[in-house]
Amino acid sequence: MARTDLVKKATQSEVDLTKITSEAIESFRPRISDINLKVTMRTAGKVKISKDDYLQIFSILMDNAIKYSKQKINVSLTGHKLEIA
């Protein structure tokens, strides 16, 4: 079997980036109760992406931000650009 046969093809669909990012942030709320969280979202609406891949990447970035932050996490989603610091 070729290596490319083992790679799962990501299913892309139109998703509301603001909505799925907000839902993902809410899932982290219990873990960040002691951290000051600032969220800024100004998106361009729906984009065609793999929702599962986006949520996986978002979760990794949030996990790292929680692990290495001192007291504050800034999540900024502007247009199609996501920043977590």
Protein backbone atom coordinates (compact mmCIF):
# COMPACT_ATOMS: atom_id res chain seq x y z
CA MET A 1 0.00 0.00 0.00
CA ALA A 2 1.35 3.41 -0.94
CA ARG A 3 1.97 5.92 1.81
CA THR A 4 -0.51 8.33 0.23
CA ASP A 5 -3.19 5.67 0.64
CA LEU A 6 -2.72 5.89 4.40
CA VAL A 7 -3.30 9.64 4.56
CA LYS A 8 -6.86 10.57 5.43
CA LYS A 9 -8.26 13.14 3.04
CA ALA A 10 -9.60 16.15 4.91
CA THR A 11 -13.20 16.97 4.15
CA GLN A 12 -13.62 20.67 3.56
CA SER A 13 -16.91 22.46 3.94
CA GLU A 14 -18.23 25.98 4.45
CA VAL A 15 -18.02 26.80 8.16
CA ASP A 16 -18.60 29.91 10.24
CA LEU A 17 -15.16 30.54 11.71
CA THR A 18 -16.50 32.83 14.43
CA LYS A 19 -19.00 30.22 15.62
CA ILE A 20 -16.62 27.25 15.77
CA THR A 21 -13.88 29.35 17.40
CA SER A 22 -16.32 30.61 20.05
CA GLU A 23 -17.47 27.06 20.75
CA ALA A 24 -13.86 25.87 21.00
CA ILE A 25 -12.99 28.68 23.43
CA GLU A 26 -15.97 27.76 25.61
CA SER A 27 -14.71 24.18 25.85
CA PHE A 28 -11.50 25.55 27.43
CA ARG A 29 -13.24 27.81 30.01
CA PRO A 30 -13.01 25.34 32.91
CA ARG A 31 -9.23 25.04 32.40
CA ILE A 32 -8.61 28.78 32.20
CA SER A 33 -10.64 30.06 35.13
CA ASP A 34 -7.50 31.58 36.72
CA ILE A 35 -6.23 33.13 33.48
CA ASN A 36 -7.31 36.49 32.06
CA LEU A 37 -8.69 35.65 28.60
CA LYS A 38 -9.14 38.37 26.00
CA VAL A 39 -10.96 37.38 22.82
CA THR A 40 -11.19 39.60 19.74
CA MET A 41 -13.06 38.28 16.69
CA ARG A 42 -13.69 40.11 13.44
CA THR A 43 -14.08 37.52 10.73
CA ALA A 44 -15.09 37.50 7.13
CA GLY A 45 -17.89 35.01 7.76
CA LYS A 46 -17.83 31.54 6.31
CA VAL A 47 -14.72 29.90 4.90
CA LYS A 48 -14.12 26.57 3.23
CA ILE A 49 -11.90 24.51 5.53
CA SER A 50 -11.66 21.18 7.26
CA LYS A 51 -13.48 21.85 10.54
CA ASP A 52 -11.80 18.90 12.28
CA ASP A 53 -8.31 20.03 11.23
CA TYR A 54 -9.01 23.61 12.31
CA LEU A 55 -10.29 22.49 15.73
CA GLN A 56 -7.29 20.22 16.21
CA ILE A 57 -4.85 23.05 15.44
CA PHE A 58 -6.82 25.49 17.60
CA SER A 59 -6.76 23.02 20.51
CA ILE A 60 -3.00 22.54 20.22
CA LEU A 61 -2.43 26.30 20.22
CA MET A 62 -4.74 26.82 23.20
CA ASP A 63 -3.14 23.96 25.13
CA ASN A 64 0.28 25.55 24.59
CA ALA A 65 -1.00 29.00 25.56
CA ILE A 66 -2.49 27.61 28.78
CA LYS A 67 0.67 25.66 29.57
CA TYR A 68 3.09 28.55 29.00
CA SER A 69 1.05 31.63 29.84
CA LYS A 70 1.56 33.40 33.12
CA GLN A 71 -1.78 35.09 33.62
CA LYS A 72 -3.18 36.19 30.28
CA ILE A 73 -4.15 34.69 26.90
CA ASN A 74 -5.14 36.81 23.90
CA VAL A 75 -7.10 35.11 21.13
CA SER A 76 -7.49 37.24 18.01
CA LEU A 77 -9.37 36.10 14.92
CA THR A 78 -9.37 38.79 12.24
CA GLY A 79 -10.49 37.95 8.75
CA HIS A 80 -8.89 34.57 8.16
CA LYS A 81 -5.94 35.12 10.53
CA LEU A 82 -5.85 33.44 13.97
CA GLU A 83 -3.40 34.54 16.67
CA ILE A 84 -3.14 33.05 20.14
CA ALA A 85 -0.60 34.68 22.46
